[in-house]
Every structure is written in structure tokens, then in C-alpha cells.
PDB file of N, CA and C in Angstrom:
ATOM      1  N   MET A   1       0.946  -1.326   0.036  1.00  0.00           N
ATOM      2  CA  MET A   1       0.003   0.125  -0.207  1.00  0.00           C
ATOM      3  C   MET A   1       0.879   1.031   0.004  1.00  0.00           C
ATOM      4  N   ALA A   2       0.566   2.113  -0.626  1.00  0.00           N
ATOM      5  CA  ALA A   2       1.094   3.555  -0.798  1.00  0.00           C
ATOM      6  C   ALA A   2       1.047   4.245   0.318  1.00  0.00           C
ATOM      7  N   LYS A   3       2.104   4.965   0.547  1.00  0.00           N
ATOM      8  CA  LYS A   3       1.756   5.894   1.877  1.00  0.00           C
ATOM      9  C   LYS A   3       1.100   7.530   0.964  1.00  0.00           C
ATOM     10  N   ILE A   4       0.075   8.163   1.733  1.00  0.00           N
ATOM     11  CA  ILE A   4      -0.500   9.234   1.403  1.00  0.00           C
ATOM     12  C   ILE A   4      -0.055  10.115   2.499  1.00  0.00           C
ATOM     13  N   ARG A   5       0.133  11.390   1.785  1.00  0.00           N
ATOM     14  CA  ARG A   5       0.562  12.321   2.646  1.00  0.00           C
ATOM     15  C   ARG A   5      -0.341  13.624   2.355  1.00  0.00           C
ATOM     16  N   ASN A   6      -1.063  14.111   3.046  1.00  0.00           N
ATOM     17  CA  ASN A   6      -1.760  15.304   3.279  1.00  0.00           C
ATOM     18  C   ASN A   6      -1.121  16.661   3.623  1.00  0.00           C
ATOM     19  N   GLY A   7      -0.643  17.512   2.655  1.00  0.00           N
ATOM     20  CA  GLY A   7      -0.092  18.583   2.942  1.00  0.00           C
ATOM     21  C   GLY A   7       1.459  18.395   2.560  1.00  0.00           C
ATOM     22  N   PHE A   8       2.096  19.587   2.944  1.00  0.00           N
ATOM     23  CA  PHE A   8       3.508  19.631   2.569  1.00  0.00           C
ATOM     24  C   PHE A   8       4.374  19.742   4.092  1.00  0.00           C
ATOM     25  N   VAL A   9       5.536  19.028   3.531  1.00  0.00           N
ATOM     26  CA  VAL A   9       6.579  19.121   4.884  1.00  0.00           C
ATOM     27  C   VAL A   9       7.148  20.238   4.995  1.00  0.00           C
ATOM     28  N   SER A  10       7.036  20.742   6.329  1.00  0.00           N
ATOM     29  CA  SER A  10       7.057  22.225   6.991  1.00  0.00           C
ATOM     30  C   SER A  10       8.668  22.280   6.864  1.00  0.00           C
ATOM     31  N   ASN A  11       9.515  21.550   7.409  1.00  0.00           N
ATOM     32  CA  ASN A  11      10.839  21.752   7.386  1.00  0.00           C
ATOM     33  C   ASN A  11      11.437  21.505   6.415  1.00  0.00           C
ATOM     34  N   SER A  12      10.753  21.070   4.864  1.00  0.00           N
ATOM     35  CA  SER A  12      11.694  20.958   4.048  1.00  0.00           C
ATOM     36  C   SER A  12      11.494  22.042   2.940  1.00  0.00           C
ATOM     37  N   SER A  13      12.679  22.175   1.896  1.00  0.00           N
ATOM     38  CA  SER A  13      12.561  23.353   1.510  1.00  0.00           C
ATOM     39  C   SER A  13      11.688  23.341   0.122  1.00  0.00           C
ATOM     40  N   SER A  14      11.334  22.194  -0.064  1.00  0.00           N
ATOM     41  CA  SER A  14      10.546  21.784  -1.361  1.00  0.00           C
ATOM     42  C   SER A  14       9.556  20.891  -1.528  1.00  0.00           C
ATOM     43  N   SER A  15       8.766  20.352  -2.047  1.00  0.00           N
ATOM     44  CA  SER A  15       7.670  19.609  -2.242  1.00  0.00           C
ATOM     45  C   SER A  15       7.582  19.139  -3.793  1.00  0.00           C
ATOM     46  N   SER A  16       7.419  18.039  -4.102  1.00  0.00           N
ATOM     47  CA  SER A  16       7.013  17.485  -5.565  1.00  0.00           C
ATOM     48  C   SER A  16       5.795  17.252  -5.424  1.00  0.00           C
ATOM     49  N   PHE A  17       4.970  17.453  -6.724  1.00  0.00           N
ATOM     50  CA  PHE A  17       3.740  16.498  -6.792  1.00  0.00           C
ATOM     51  C   PHE A  17       3.318  16.322  -7.945  1.00  0.00           C
ATOM     52  N   ILE A  18       2.236  15.580  -8.292  1.00  0.00           N
ATOM     53  CA  ILE A  18       1.728  15.157  -9.677  1.00  0.00           C
ATOM     54  C   ILE A  18       0.663  15.561  -9.490  1.00  0.00           C
ATOM     55  N   ILE A  19      -0.220  15.909 -10.715  1.00  0.00           N
ATOM     56  CA  ILE A  19      -1.753  16.013 -10.382  1.00  0.00           C
ATOM     57  C   ILE A  19      -2.063  15.377 -12.110  1.00  0.00           C
ATOM     58  N   ALA A  20      -3.189  14.738 -11.985  1.00  0.00           N
ATOM     59  CA  ALA A  20      -4.240  14.602 -12.909  1.00  0.00           C
ATOM     60  C   ALA A  20      -5.403  15.123 -13.210  1.00  0.00           C
ATOM     61  N   SER A  21      -5.963  15.630 -14.510  1.00  0.00           N
ATOM     62  CA  SER A  21      -6.878  16.201 -14.513  1.00  0.00           C
ATOM     63  C   SER A  21      -7.444  16.434 -16.013  1.00  0.00           C
ATOM     64  N   LYS A  22      -8.521  16.017 -16.181  1.00  0.00           N
ATOM     65  CA  LYS A  22      -9.299  16.337 -17.316  1.00  0.00           C
ATOM     66  C   LYS A  22      -9.189  17.627 -17.886  1.00  0.00           C
ATOM     67  N   LYS A  23      -9.178  18.857 -17.296  1.00  0.00           N
ATOM     68  CA  LYS A  23      -9.202  20.587 -17.943  1.00  0.00           C
ATOM     69  C   LYS A  23      -8.179  20.598 -16.514  1.00  0.00           C
ATOM     70  N   GLU A  24      -7.604  21.707 -16.799  1.00  0.00           N
ATOM     71  CA  GLU A  24      -6.588  22.457 -15.885  1.00  0.00           C
ATOM     72  C   GLU A  24      -6.792  22.314 -14.627  1.00  0.00           C
ATOM     73  N   PRO A  25      -6.092  22.248 -13.301  1.00  0.00           N
ATOM     74  CA  PRO A  25      -6.404  22.312 -12.248  1.00  0.00           C
ATOM     75  C   PRO A  25      -6.484  23.671 -11.382  1.00  0.00           C
ATOM     76  N   GLU A  26      -7.251  23.996 -10.686  1.00  0.00           N
ATOM     77  CA  GLU A  26      -7.066  25.377 -10.111  1.00  0.00           C
ATOM     78  C   GLU A  26      -7.172  25.368  -8.502  1.00  0.00           C
ATOM     79  N   ILE A  27      -6.017  25.899  -8.093  1.00  0.00           N
ATOM     80  CA  ILE A  27      -6.299  25.564  -6.637  1.00  0.00           C
ATOM     81  C   ILE A  27      -6.492  26.906  -5.877  1.00  0.00           C
ATOM     82  N   LYS A  28      -7.249  26.684  -5.030  1.00  0.00           N
ATOM     83  CA  LYS A  28      -7.897  28.230  -4.136  1.00  0.00           C
ATOM     84  C   LYS A  28      -7.456  28.353  -2.882  1.00  0.00           C
ATOM     85  N   ILE A  29      -6.789  29.384  -2.488  1.00  0.00           N
ATOM     86  CA  ILE A  29      -6.246  29.590  -1.376  1.00  0.00           C
ATOM     87  C   ILE A  29      -7.029  30.586  -0.576  1.00  0.00           C
ATOM     88  N   LYS A  30      -7.350  30.619   0.865  1.00  0.00           N
ATOM     89  CA  LYS A  30      -8.113  31.453   1.695  1.00  0.00           C
ATOM     90  C   LYS A  30      -7.290  32.356   1.922  1.00  0.00           C
ATOM     91  N   ILE A  31      -7.448  33.599   2.009  1.00  0.00           N
ATOM     92  CA  ILE A  31      -6.848  34.572   2.762  1.00  0.00           C
ATOM     93  C   ILE A  31      -7.597  35.685   3.449  1.00  0.00           C
ATOM     94  N   ASN A  32      -7.214  35.788   4.733  1.00  0.00           N
ATOM     95  CA  ASN A  32      -7.851  36.648   5.439  1.00  0.00           C
ATOM     96  C   ASN A  32      -6.968  38.098   5.145  1.00  0.00           C
ATOM     97  N   VAL A  33      -7.909  39.001   4.028  1.00  0.00           N
ATOM     98  CA  VAL A  33      -7.175  40.220   3.908  1.00  0.00           C
ATOM     99  C   VAL A  33      -7.139  41.201   4.910  1.00  0.00           C
ATOM    100  N   ARG A  34      -7.750  41.286   6.000  1.00  0.00           N
ATOM    101  CA  ARG A  34      -7.940  42.039   6.942  1.00  0.00           C
ATOM    102  C   ARG A  34      -6.472  41.694   7.503  1.00  0.00           C
ATOM    103  N   GLU A  35      -5.585  40.420   7.448  1.00  0.00           N
ATOM    104  CA  GLU A  35      -4.644  40.555   8.368  1.00  0.00           C
ATOM    105  C   GLU A  35      -3.158  41.124   7.357  1.00  0.00           C
ATOM    106  N   ILE A  36      -3.500  41.212   6.098  1.00  0.00           N
ATOM    107  CA  ILE A  36      -2.378  41.160   5.504  1.00  0.00           C
ATOM    108  C   ILE A  36      -2.651  43.113   4.765  1.00  0.00           C
ATOM    109  N   CYS A  37      -3.759  43.718   4.954  1.00  0.00           N
ATOM    110  CA  CYS A  37      -3.669  44.940   4.499  1.00  0.00           C
ATOM    111  C   CYS A  37      -3.056  45.903   5.657  1.00  0.00           C
ATOM    112  N   ASP A  38      -2.878  47.417   5.364  1.00  0.00           N
ATOM    113  CA  ASP A  38      -2.540  48.360   6.168  1.00  0.00           C
ATOM    114  C   ASP A  38      -3.013  49.327   6.737  1.00  0.00           C
ATOM    115  N   TYR A  39      -4.548  49.235   6.044  1.00  0.00           N
ATOM    116  CA  TYR A  39      -5.757  50.170   6.752  1.00  0.00           C
ATOM    117  C   TYR A  39      -6.911  49.305   6.194  1.00  0.00           C
ATOM    118  N   VAL A  40      -7.836  49.329   7.232  1.00  0.00           N
ATOM    119  CA  VAL A  40      -9.699  49.468   7.006  1.00  0.00           C
ATOM    120  C   VAL A  40     -10.099  50.531   7.420  1.00  0.00           C
ATOM    121  N   VAL A  41     -10.686  50.904   6.122  1.00  0.00           N
ATOM    122  CA  VAL A  41     -11.386  52.183   6.395  1.00  0.00           C
ATOM    123  C   VAL A  41     -13.127  51.994   6.246  1.00  0.00           C
ATOM    124  N   LYS A  42     -13.647  52.687   7.434  1.00  0.00           N
ATOM    125  CA  LYS A  42     -15.404  52.171   7.440  1.00  0.00           C
ATOM    126  C   LYS A  42     -15.667  53.707   7.464  1.00  0.00           C
ATOM    127  N   THR A  43     -15.248  55.250   7.640  1.00  0.00           N
ATOM    128  CA  THR A  43     -15.858  56.348   7.386  1.00  0.00           C
ATOM    129  C   THR A  43     -15.299  57.142   6.246  1.00  0.00           C
ATOM    130  N   LYS A  44     -15.928  58.162   5.771  1.00  0.00           N
ATOM    131  CA  LYS A  44     -15.227  58.921   5.088  1.00  0.00           C
ATOM    132  C   LYS A  44     -14.234  59.533   5.680  1.00  0.00           C
ATOM    133  N   GLU A  45     -14.090  59.784   6.671  1.00  0.00           N
ATOM    134  CA  GLU A  45     -13.199  60.619   7.392  1.00  0.00           C
ATOM    135  C   GLU A  45     -11.808  59.847   7.505  1.00  0.00           C
ATOM    136  N   ASP A  46     -12.179  58.455   7.518  1.00  0.00           N
ATOM    137  CA  ASP A  46     -10.694  57.994   7.627  1.00  0.00           C
ATOM    138  C   ASP A  46     -10.409  57.524   6.108  1.00  0.00           C
ATOM    139  N   LEU A  47     -11.132  57.480   5.115  1.00  0.00           N
ATOM    140  CA  LEU A  47     -10.898  57.311   4.195  1.00  0.00           C
ATOM    141  C   LEU A  47      -9.893  58.668   3.529  1.00  0.00           C
ATOM    142  N   ASP A  48     -10.422  59.981   4.035  1.00  0.00           N
ATOM    143  CA  ASP A  48      -9.800  61.227   3.626  1.00  0.00           C
ATOM    144  C   ASP A  48      -8.598  61.154   4.188  1.00  0.00           C
ATOM    145  N   LEU A  49      -8.175  60.500   5.394  1.00  0.00           N
ATOM    146  CA  LEU A  49      -6.640  60.421   6.012  1.00  0.00           C
ATOM    147  C   LEU A  49      -5.786  59.731   5.106  1.00  0.00           C
ATOM    148  N   VAL A  50      -6.576  58.255   5.025  1.00  0.00           N
ATOM    149  CA  VAL A  50      -5.618  57.357   4.207  1.00  0.00           C
ATOM    150  C   VAL A  50      -5.442  57.710   2.667  1.00  0.00           C
ATOM    151  N   ILE A  51      -6.541  58.226   2.067  1.00  0.00           N
ATOM    152  CA  ILE A  51      -6.073  58.708   0.633  1.00  0.00           C
ATOM    153  C   ILE A  51      -4.979  60.063   0.475  1.00  0.00           C
ATOM    154  N   LYS A  52      -4.910  60.853   1.635  1.00  0.00           N
ATOM    155  CA  LYS A  52      -4.355  62.013   1.808  1.00  0.00           C
ATOM    156  C   LYS A  52      -2.732  61.302   1.765  1.00  0.00           C
ATOM    157  N   GLU A  53      -2.542  60.558   3.050  1.00  0.00           N
ATOM    158  CA  GLU A  53      -1.218  60.137   2.901  1.00  0.00           C
ATOM    159  C   GLU A  53      -0.960  58.838   2.112  1.00  0.00           C
ATOM    160  N   ARG A  54      -1.484  58.423   1.466  1.00  0.00           N
ATOM    161  CA  ARG A  54      -1.475  57.453   0.160  1.00  0.00           C
ATOM    162  C   ARG A  54      -0.708  58.224  -1.070  1.00  0.00           C
ATOM    163  N   PHE A  55      -1.425  59.013  -1.244  1.00  0.00           N
ATOM    164  CA  PHE A  55      -1.277  59.872  -2.452  1.00  0.00           C
ATOM    165  C   PHE A  55      -0.593  61.308  -2.429  1.00  0.00           C
ATOM    166  N   TYR A  56       0.022  61.553  -1.075  1.00  0.00           N
ATOM    167  CA  TYR A  56       1.210  62.525  -0.903  1.00  0.00           C
ATOM    168  C   TYR A  56       0.428  64.063  -1.039  1.00  0.00           C
ATOM    169  N   VAL A  57      -0.908  64.358  -0.511  1.00  0.00           N
ATOM    170  CA  VAL A  57      -1.747  65.619  -0.685  1.00  0.00           C
ATOM    171  C   VAL A  57      -2.170  66.144   0.624  1.00  0.00           C
ATOM    172  N   ASP A  58      -2.188  67.173   0.518  1.00  0.00           N
ATOM    173  CA  ASP A  58      -2.738  67.964   2.034  1.00  0.00           C
ATOM    174  C   ASP A  58      -4.351  68.172   2.061  1.00  0.00           C
ATOM    175  N   GLU A  59      -4.682  67.893   0.697  1.00  0.00           N
ATOM    176  CA  GLU A  59      -6.260  67.924   0.440  1.00  0.00           C
ATOM    177  C   GLU A  59      -6.718  67.263  -0.410  1.00  0.00           C
ATOM    178  N   ILE A  60      -7.870  66.917  -0.423  1.00  0.00           N
ATOM    179  CA  ILE A  60      -8.462  65.872  -1.733  1.00  0.00           C
ATOM    180  C   ILE A  60      -8.595  66.544  -2.748  1.00  0.00           C
ATOM    181  N   ASN A  61      -9.088  67.634  -2.770  1.00  0.00           N
ATOM    182  CA  ASN A  61      -9.135  68.621  -3.780  1.00  0.00           C
ATOM    183  C   ASN A  61      -7.769  68.619  -4.967  1.00  0.00           C
ATOM    184  N   LYS A  62      -6.675  68.349  -4.220  1.00  0.00           N
ATOM    185  CA  LYS A  62      -5.702  68.380  -4.529  1.00  0.00           C
ATOM    186  C   LYS A  62      -4.997  66.994  -5.570  1.00  0.00           C
ATOM    187  N   LEU A  63      -5.925  66.113  -5.611  1.00  0.00           N
ATOM    188  CA  LEU A  63      -5.792  64.750  -6.332  1.00  0.00           C
ATOM    189  C   LEU A  63      -5.446  65.069  -7.713  1.00  0.00           C
ATOM    190  N   GLU A  64      -4.452  64.128  -8.024  1.00  0.00           N
ATOM    191  CA  GLU A  64      -4.876  64.261  -9.709  1.00  0.00           C
ATOM    192  C   GLU A  64      -5.943  62.964  -9.937  1.00  0.00           C
ATOM    193  N   ASP A  65      -6.010  63.593 -11.357  1.00  0.00           N
ATOM    194  CA  ASP A  65      -7.545  63.147 -11.969  1.00  0.00           C
ATOM    195  C   ASP A  65      -7.663  61.738 -11.659  1.00  0.00           C
ATOM    196  N   TYR A  66      -6.707  60.592 -11.625  1.00  0.00           N
ATOM    197  CA  TYR A  66      -6.649  59.194 -11.899  1.00  0.00           C
ATOM    198  C   TYR A  66      -6.995  59.061 -10.186  1.00  0.00           C
ATOM    199  N   ASP A  67      -6.298  59.716  -9.215  1.00  0.00           N
ATOM    200  CA  ASP A  67      -6.304  59.313  -7.822  1.00  0.00           C
ATOM    201  C   ASP A  67      -7.915  59.836  -7.348  1.00  0.00           C
ATOM    202  N   LEU A  68      -8.217  60.850  -8.124  1.00  0.00           N
ATOM    203  CA  LEU A  68      -9.395  61.243  -7.867  1.00  0.00           C
ATOM    204  C   LEU A  68     -10.776  60.205  -8.037  1.00  0.00           C
ATOM    205  N   ILE A  69     -10.405  59.645  -9.237  1.00  0.00           N
ATOM    206  CA  ILE A  69     -11.449  58.431  -9.517  1.00  0.00           C
ATOM    207  C   ILE A  69     -11.413  57.435  -8.715  1.00  0.00           C
ATOM    208  N   ILE A  70     -10.228  57.179  -7.984  1.00  0.00           N
ATOM    209  CA  ILE A  70     -10.006  56.076  -7.132  1.00  0.00           C
ATOM    210  C   ILE A  70     -10.946  56.181  -5.657  1.00  0.00           C
ATOM    211  N   TYR A  71     -10.412  57.587  -5.506  1.00  0.00           N
ATOM    212  CA  TYR A  71     -10.984  58.331  -4.312  1.00  0.00           C
ATOM    213  C   TYR A  71     -12.646  58.122  -4.463  1.00  0.00           C
ATOM    214  N   ASN A  72     -12.967  58.565  -5.686  1.00  0.00           N
ATOM    215  CA  ASN A  72     -14.965  58.885  -5.652  1.00  0.00           C
ATOM    216  C   ASN A  72     -15.281  56.937  -5.406  1.00  0.00           C
ATOM    217  N   LYS A  73     -14.688  56.243  -6.399  1.00  0.00           N
ATOM    218  CA  LYS A  73     -15.072  54.628  -6.147  1.00  0.00           C
ATOM    219  C   LYS A  73     -14.933  54.340  -4.676  1.00  0.00           C
ATOM    220  N   CYS A  74     -13.836  54.403  -3.883  1.00  0.00           N
ATOM    221  CA  CYS A  74     -13.835  54.312  -2.627  1.00  0.00           C
ATOM    222  C   CYS A  74     -14.745  54.826  -1.933  1.00  0.00           C
ATOM    223  N   LEU A  75     -15.382  56.396  -1.884  1.00  0.00           N
ATOM    224  CA  LEU A  75     -16.496  56.888  -1.588  1.00  0.00           C
ATOM    225  C   LEU A  75     -17.986  56.269  -1.788  1.00  0.00           C
ATOM    226  N   LYS A  76     -17.817  55.943  -3.045  1.00  0.00           N
ATOM    227  CA  LYS A  76     -19.160  55.191  -3.375  1.00  0.00           C
ATOM    228  C   LYS A  76     -19.100  53.958  -2.848  1.00  0.00           C
ATOM    229  N   SER A  77     -18.203  53.124  -2.510  1.00  0.00           N
ATOM    230  CA  SER A  77     -18.243  51.818  -2.117  1.00  0.00           C
ATOM    231  C   SER A  77     -18.804  52.148  -0.418  1.00  0.00           C
ATOM    232  N   LEU A  78     -17.958  53.137  -0.114  1.00  0.00           N
ATOM    233  CA  LEU A  78     -18.189  52.993   1.492  1.00  0.00           C
ATOM    234  C   LEU A  78     -19.901  53.592   1.628  1.00  0.00           C
ATOM    235  N   GLU A  79     -20.680  54.249   0.853  1.00  0.00           N
ATOM    236  CA  GLU A  79     -21.568  54.819   0.858  1.00  0.00           C
ATOM    237  C   GLU A  79     -22.785  53.553   0.498  1.00  0.00           C
ATOM    238  N   ASP A  80     -22.250  52.187  -0.287  1.00  0.00           N
ATOM    239  CA  ASP A  80     -22.808  51.140  -0.346  1.00  0.00           C
ATOM    240  C   ASP A  80     -22.921  50.136   1.371  1.00  0.00           C
ATOM    241  N   GLY A  81     -22.121  50.644   1.662  1.00  0.00           N
ATOM    242  CA  GLY A  81     -22.101  49.967   3.154  1.00  0.00           C
ATOM    243  C   GLY A  81     -20.804  48.973   3.047  1.00  0.00           C
ATOM    244  N   ASN A  82     -19.969  49.017   2.479  1.00  0.00           N
ATOM    245  CA  ASN A  82     -18.814  48.372   2.184  1.00  0.00           C
ATOM    246  C   ASN A  82     -17.523  49.271   3.322  1.00  0.00           C
ATOM    247  N   GLU A  83     -16.317  47.852   3.506  1.00  0.00           N
ATOM    248  CA  GLU A  83     -15.582  48.567   4.177  1.00  0.00           C
ATOM    249  C   GLU A  83     -14.510  48.580   3.192  1.00  0.00           C
ATOM    250  N   ILE A  84     -13.382  49.007   3.145  1.00  0.00           N
ATOM    251  CA  ILE A  84     -12.387  49.549   2.138  1.00  0.00           C
ATOM    252  C   ILE A  84     -11.055  49.193   2.514  1.00  0.00           C
ATOM    253  N   TYR A  85     -10.398  48.126   2.057  1.00  0.00           N
ATOM    254  CA  TYR A  85      -9.452  47.546   2.578  1.00  0.00           C
ATOM    255  C   TYR A  85      -8.134  48.129   1.626  1.00  0.00           C
ATOM    256  N   PHE A  86      -7.035  48.679   2.177  1.00  0.00           N
ATOM    257  CA  PHE A  86      -5.634  49.320   1.176  1.00  0.00           C
ATOM    258  C   PHE A  86      -4.559  48.383   1.853  1.00  0.00           C
ATOM    259  N   GLY A  87      -4.312  47.970   0.944  1.00  0.00           N
ATOM    260  CA  GLY A  87      -2.611  47.093   1.157  1.00  0.00           C
ATOM    261  C   GLY A  87      -1.551  47.498   0.139  1.00  0.00           C
ATOM    262  N   THR A  88      -0.219  46.621   0.229  1.00  0.00           N
ATOM    263  CA  THR A  88       0.606  46.955  -0.652  1.00  0.00           C
ATOM    264  C   THR A  88       0.949  45.194  -0.464  1.00  0.00           C
ATOM    265  N   VAL A  89       1.137  44.634  -1.997  1.00  0.00           N
ATOM    266  CA  VAL A  89       1.962  43.719  -2.146  1.00  0.00           C
ATOM    267  C   VAL A  89       3.248  43.633  -2.748  1.00  0.00           C
ATOM    268  N   ALA A  90       4.193  43.030  -2.750  1.00  0.00           N
ATOM    269  CA  ALA A  90       5.510  42.855  -3.381  1.00  0.00           C
ATOM    270  C   ALA A  90       5.909  41.494  -3.557  1.00  0.00           C
ATOM    271  N   ASN A  91       6.600  41.149  -4.868  1.00  0.00           N
ATOM    272  CA  ASN A  91       7.447  40.165  -4.878  1.00  0.00           C
ATOM    273  C   ASN A  91       8.648  40.015  -4.031  1.00  0.00           C
ATOM    274  N   ASP A  92       8.442  39.462  -2.706  1.00  0.00           N
ATOM    275  CA  ASP A  92       9.617  39.048  -1.718  1.00  0.00           C
ATOM    276  C   ASP A  92       9.314  37.985  -1.098  1.00  0.00           C
ATOM    277  N   TYR A  93      10.328  37.582  -1.169  1.00  0.00           N
ATOM    278  CA  TYR A  93      10.633  35.730  -0.702  1.00  0.00           C
ATOM    279  C   TYR A  93      10.362  35.649   0.781  1.00  0.00           C
ATOM    280  N   ASP A  94      10.297  36.960   1.439  1.00  0.00           N
ATOM    281  CA  ASP A  94      10.237  36.555   2.831  1.00  0.00           C
ATOM    282  C   ASP A  94       8.685  36.734   3.246  1.00  0.00           C
ATOM    283  N   ASP A  95       7.695  37.030   2.130  1.00  0.00           N
ATOM    284  CA  ASP A  95       6.173  37.156   2.624  1.00  0.00           C
ATOM    285  C   ASP A  95       5.364  36.384   1.596  1.00  0.00           C
ATOM    286  N   GLU A  96       5.408  35.303   1.875  1.00  0.00           N
ATOM    287  CA  GLU A  96       5.093  34.335   0.994  1.00  0.00           C
ATOM    288  C   GLU A  96       3.443  34.612   0.490  1.00  0.00           C
ATOM    289  N   ILE A  97       2.592  35.209   1.527  1.00  0.00           N
ATOM    290  CA  ILE A  97       1.306  35.793   0.832  1.00  0.00           C
ATOM    291  C   ILE A  97       1.259  36.739  -0.146  1.00  0.00           C
ATOM    292  N   GLY A  98       2.152  37.695   0.118  1.00  0.00           N
ATOM    293  CA  GLY A  98       2.167  38.762  -0.316  1.00  0.00           C
ATOM    294  C   GLY A  98       2.954  38.527  -1.859  1.00  0.00           C
ATOM    295  N   ASN A  99       3.617  37.698  -1.781  1.00  0.00           N
ATOM    296  CA  ASN A  99       4.403  37.161  -3.235  1.00  0.00           C
ATOM    297  C   ASN A  99       3.374  36.332  -4.009  1.00  0.00           C
ATOM    298  N   PHE A 100       2.492  35.944  -3.393  1.00  0.00           N
ATOM    299  CA  PHE A 100       1.512  34.932  -4.117  1.00  0.00           C
ATOM    300  C   PHE A 100       0.328  35.959  -4.822  1.00  0.00           C
ATOM    301  N   ILE A 101      -0.129  36.764  -4.017  1.00  0.00           N
ATOM    302  CA  ILE A 101      -0.998  37.899  -4.726  1.00  0.00           C
ATOM    303  C   ILE A 101      -0.344  38.811  -5.562  1.00  0.00           C
ATOM    304  N   TYR A 102       0.977  38.831  -5.450  1.00  0.00           N
ATOM    305  CA  TYR A 102       1.603  39.805  -6.439  1.00  0.00           C
ATOM    306  C   TYR A 102       1.762  39.065  -7.796  1.00  0.00           C
ATOM    307  N   ARG A 103       2.258  37.594  -7.650  1.00  0.00           N
ATOM    308  CA  ARG A 103       2.376  37.109  -9.113  1.00  0.00           C
ATOM    309  C   ARG A 103       0.756  36.921  -9.671  1.00  0.00           C
ATOM    310  N   SER A 104       0.063  36.472  -8.603  1.00  0.00           N
ATOM    311  CA  SER A 104      -1.313  35.564  -9.433  1.00  0.00           C
ATOM    312  C   SER A 104      -2.776  36.818  -9.122  1.00  0.00           C
ATOM    313  N   GLY A 105      -2.167  37.798  -8.479  1.00  0.00           N
ATOM    314  CA  GLY A 105      -3.528  38.857  -8.595  1.00  0.00           C
ATOM    315  C   GLY A 105      -4.353  38.332  -7.682  1.00  0.00           C
ATOM    316  N   PHE A 106      -5.750  38.671  -7.581  1.00  0.00           N
ATOM    317  CA  PHE A 106      -6.715  38.379  -7.320  1.00  0.00           C
ATOM    318  C   PHE A 106      -7.860  37.542  -7.784  1.00  0.00           C
ATOM    319  N   GLY A 107      -7.351  37.236  -9.276  1.00  0.00           N
ATOM    320  CA  GLY A 107      -8.101  35.866  -9.890  1.00  0.00           C
ATOM    321  C   GLY A 107      -9.668  36.521  -9.956  1.00  0.00           C
ATOM    322  N   LYS A 108     -10.605  35.381 -10.012  1.00  0.00           N
ATOM    323  CA  LYS A 108     -11.816  35.899 -10.519  1.00  0.00           C
ATOM    324  C   LYS A 108     -12.685  36.141  -9.128  1.00  0.00           C
ATOM    325  N   GLU A 109     -12.160  36.630  -8.309  1.00  0.00           N
ATOM    326  CA  GLU A 109     -13.118  36.636  -6.963  1.00  0.00           C
ATOM    327  C   GLU A 109     -14.512  37.330  -7.260  1.00  0.00           C
ATOM    328  N   VAL A 110     -15.381  36.683  -6.739  1.00  0.00           N
ATOM    329  CA  VAL A 110     -16.845  37.483  -6.702  1.00  0.00           C
ATOM    330  C   VAL A 110     -17.390  37.946  -5.077  1.00  0.00           C
ATOM    331  N   ASN A 111     -16.452  37.903  -4.328  1.00  0.00           N
ATOM    332  CA  ASN A 111     -17.265  38.343  -3.067  1.00  0.00           C
ATOM    333  C   ASN A 111     -16.511  40.056  -2.796  1.00  0.00           C
ATOM    334  N   PHE A 112     -15.914  40.650  -3.827  1.00  0.00           N
ATOM    335  CA  PHE A 112     -15.380  42.052  -3.369  1.00  0.00           C
ATOM    336  C   PHE A 112     -15.069  42.462  -5.211  1.00  0.00           C
ATOM    337  N   ASP A 113     -15.169  43.852  -4.816  1.00  0.00           N
ATOM    338  CA  ASP A 113     -14.884  44.809  -5.990  1.00  0.00           C
ATOM    339  C   ASP A 113     -13.167  45.113  -6.131  1.00  0.00           C
ATOM    340  N   ILE A 114     -12.677  45.151  -7.004  1.00  0.00           N
ATOM    341  CA  ILE A 114     -11.249  45.611  -7.113  1.00  0.00           C
ATOM    342  C   ILE A 114     -11.441  47.146  -7.377  1.00  0.00           C
ATOM    343  N   ILE A 115     -11.095  47.957  -6.577  1.00  0.00           N
ATOM    344  CA  ILE A 115     -11.193  49.316  -7.019  1.00  0.00           C
ATOM    345  C   ILE A 115      -9.840  50.041  -7.586  1.00  0.00           C
ATOM    346  N   GLN A 116      -8.619  49.254  -7.288  1.00  0.00           N
ATOM    347  CA  GLN A 116      -7.275  49.741  -7.951  1.00  0.00           C
ATOM    348  C   GLN A 116      -6.747  48.469  -8.029  1.00  0.00           C
ATOM    349  N   ASP A 117      -6.313  48.305  -9.336  1.00  0.00           N
ATOM    350  CA  ASP A 117      -5.683  46.887  -9.257  1.00  0.00           C
ATOM    351  C   ASP A 117      -4.025  47.166  -9.159  1.00  0.00           C
ATOM    352  N   LEU A 118      -3.573  45.754  -9.148  1.00  0.00           N
ATOM    353  CA  LEU A 118      -1.925  45.684  -8.166  1.00  0.00           C
ATOM    354  C   LEU A 118      -1.513  46.168  -9.645  1.00  0.00           C
ATOM    355  N   GLY A 119      -0.382  47.157  -9.229  1.00  0.00           N
ATOM    356  CA  GLY A 119       0.120  47.815 -10.162  1.00  0.00           C
ATOM    357  C   GLY A 119       0.300  49.197 -10.142  1.00  0.00           C
TER     358      GLY A 119
END
């Protein structure tokens, strides 16, 4: 009887696998975005503070056109009852989750709207 291992060995630097499928396999990973984001915004006042900090302006009316579009999308989303999650990811080998999102993007998620794309 063959040995079956569920998961990967945590003290190993690599693991091999073999997959068979009639169509391209898809792996979904659940990530708690709240744990990796820089800010969670629930109010217009907090949105204004975060936007000014991220876009280096002292007043909202000094935003560049593209940045103003992002601000207005965020504001509309807040008015619709959503929270806004601000974060940054990088191609950094010390941050496995950030590295994964950086390489793969957010995919075809249906439980949230992407206001600003990675990049």
C-alpha cells in the first residue's frame, strides 16, 4: 500500500507533486485580507486621511485625476455599506502571501470589488 501525505512537510525547502485532471486544475487559497492590509476604512473621515497619506496630498481637492477616480470609487463603495481595505504586496520571498498575490493577482473573486488593480 502506498503512503499518502496530506499537506507539505514544513521543514523541507521543496515538495514535489503530480496532478492528473481532465481540465486545468485550479487551487484556491483562502486569505484573510484584514491580516495583510495596511488600513481598513469604514468612514469618509478615515478614507480622507488614508487617501491623503497614500497619494501625498494635504487636501482631497489636490488629487490628480486618476487618484480622484479611485477616491470617488472608494467613497461610493463606503456609501454602499462596504469597508475599504488598503494594502501593498511585493515580490518578496520573505512574504509568501504577498508574493503569491503579487504574482497571481486576485483572480476571479466574486466576494469583493477591485477598486485599484495591482500595479
